C-alpha atoms as a PDB file:
ATOM      1  CA  MET A   1      29.736   7.305 -88.388  1.00  0.00           C
ATOM      2  CA  SER A   2      29.434   5.618 -84.999  1.00  0.00           C
ATOM      3  CA  THR A   3      29.573   2.168 -86.570  1.00  0.00           C
ATOM      4  CA  ARG A   4      32.739   3.049 -88.489  1.00  0.00           C
ATOM      5  CA  LEU A   5      34.318   4.548 -85.351  1.00  0.00           C
ATOM      6  CA  ALA A   6      33.563   1.358 -83.433  1.00  0.00           C
ATOM      7  CA  GLY A   7      35.100  -0.597 -86.293  1.00  0.00           C
ATOM      8  CA  LEU A   8      38.265   1.482 -86.117  1.00  0.00           C
ATOM      9  CA  LEU A   9      38.574   0.880 -82.395  1.00  0.00           C
ATOM     10  CA  VAL A  10      37.496  -2.720 -81.803  1.00  0.00           C
ATOM     11  CA  SER A  11      37.380  -4.496 -85.160  1.00  0.00           C
ATOM     12  CA  PRO A  12      39.146  -7.889 -85.023  1.00  0.00           C
ATOM     13  CA  SER A  13      40.887  -7.242 -88.335  1.00  0.00           C
ATOM     14  CA  ARG A  14      42.173  -3.692 -87.825  1.00  0.00           C
ATOM     15  CA  GLY A  15      40.980  -2.323 -84.489  1.00  0.00           C
ATOM     16  CA  LEU A  16      43.218   0.036 -82.570  1.00  0.00           C
ATOM     17  CA  LEU A  17      42.283  -1.390 -79.177  1.00  0.00           C
ATOM     18  CA  ILE A  18      42.728  -4.978 -80.379  1.00  0.00           C
ATOM     19  CA  TYR A  19      46.306  -4.530 -81.616  1.00  0.00           C
ATOM     20  CA  THR A  20      47.373  -1.874 -79.096  1.00  0.00           C
ATOM     21  CA  PRO A  21      45.606  -2.436 -75.781  1.00  0.00           C
ATOM     22  CA  ALA A  22      48.084  -0.105 -74.042  1.00  0.00           C
ATOM     23  CA  VAL A  23      46.109   2.758 -75.597  1.00  0.00           C
ATOM     24  CA  LEU A  24      43.477   2.079 -72.937  1.00  0.00           C
ATOM     25  CA  LEU A  25      45.972   3.320 -70.340  1.00  0.00           C
ATOM     26  CA  ALA A  26      46.217   6.636 -72.139  1.00  0.00           C
ATOM     27  CA  ILE A  27      42.579   7.460 -71.438  1.00  0.00           C
ATOM     28  CA  PRO A  28      42.915   7.818 -67.642  1.00  0.00           C
ATOM     29  CA  GLY A  29      46.360   9.318 -68.175  1.00  0.00           C
ATOM     30  CA  TYR A  30      44.832  12.099 -70.235  1.00  0.00           C
ATOM     31  CA  PHE A  31      42.685  13.114 -67.271  1.00  0.00           C
ATOM     32  CA  LEU A  32      45.781  13.248 -65.024  1.00  0.00           C
ATOM     33  CA  VAL A  33      47.326  15.939 -67.245  1.00  0.00           C
ATOM     34  CA  LYS A  34      45.564  18.660 -65.266  1.00  0.00           C
ATOM     35  CA  ASN A  35      47.988  18.018 -62.372  1.00  0.00           C
ATOM     36  CA  LEU A  36      51.136  18.758 -64.400  1.00  0.00           C
ATOM     37  CA  GLN A  37      53.056  21.773 -63.184  1.00  0.00           C
ATOM     38  CA  PRO A  38      54.400  23.553 -66.278  1.00  0.00           C
ATOM     39  CA  PRO A  39      51.317  25.108 -67.905  1.00  0.00           C
ATOM     40  CA  ALA A  40      52.978  25.070 -71.335  1.00  0.00           C
ATOM     41  CA  LEU A  41      53.476  21.298 -71.166  1.00  0.00           C
ATOM     42  CA  ARG A  42      49.901  20.839 -69.984  1.00  0.00           C
ATOM     43  CA  SER A  43      48.526  22.776 -72.948  1.00  0.00           C
ATOM     44  CA  VAL A  44      50.649  20.735 -75.384  1.00  0.00           C
ATOM     45  CA  PHE A  45      49.185  17.501 -73.986  1.00  0.00           C
ATOM     46  CA  TYR A  46      45.658  18.894 -74.300  1.00  0.00           C
ATOM     47  CA  VAL A  47      46.283  19.808 -77.941  1.00  0.00           C
ATOM     48  CA  TYR A  48      47.723  16.339 -78.640  1.00  0.00           C
ATOM     49  CA  GLY A  49      44.706  14.676 -77.052  1.00  0.00           C
ATOM     50  CA  PHE A  50      42.326  16.815 -79.055  1.00  0.00           C
ATOM     51  CA  SER A  51      44.187  16.028 -82.274  1.00  0.00           C
ATOM     52  CA  VAL A  52      44.012  12.267 -81.613  1.00  0.00           C
ATOM     53  CA  VAL A  53      40.252  12.439 -81.071  1.00  0.00           C
ATOM     54  CA  ALA A  54      39.786  14.651 -84.131  1.00  0.00           C
ATOM     55  CA  THR A  55      41.841  12.267 -86.290  1.00  0.00           C
ATOM     56  CA  MET A  56      39.756   9.286 -85.191  1.00  0.00           C
ATOM     57  CA  LEU A  57      36.547  11.184 -85.973  1.00  0.00           C
ATOM     58  CA  ILE A  58      37.818  12.192 -89.399  1.00  0.00           C
ATOM     59  CA  TYR A  59      38.848   8.606 -90.176  1.00  0.00           C
ATOM     60  CA  SER A  60      35.390   7.405 -89.197  1.00  0.00           C
ATOM     61  CA  LEU A  61      33.815   9.693 -91.806  1.00  0.00           C
ATOM     62  CA  TYR A  62      35.327   7.682 -94.671  1.00  0.00           C
ATOM     63  CA  GLU A  63      33.585   4.623 -96.025  1.00  0.00           C
ATOM     64  CA  CYS A  64      35.651   1.610 -96.999  1.00  0.00           C
END
């Protein structure tokens, strides 16, 4: 699973971080969410972040 996850992120042919390096800016931005004032907006961002990580983990379970 870890090899497939690494392939999804940094593979030269289809890696997320290769074709969209701006995603790297989202990682520190996710940790800045705790400073947002409306608690409802903060919880929505936490759920979105969790869903992105869960989707990547589910994709890494499949073998090509």
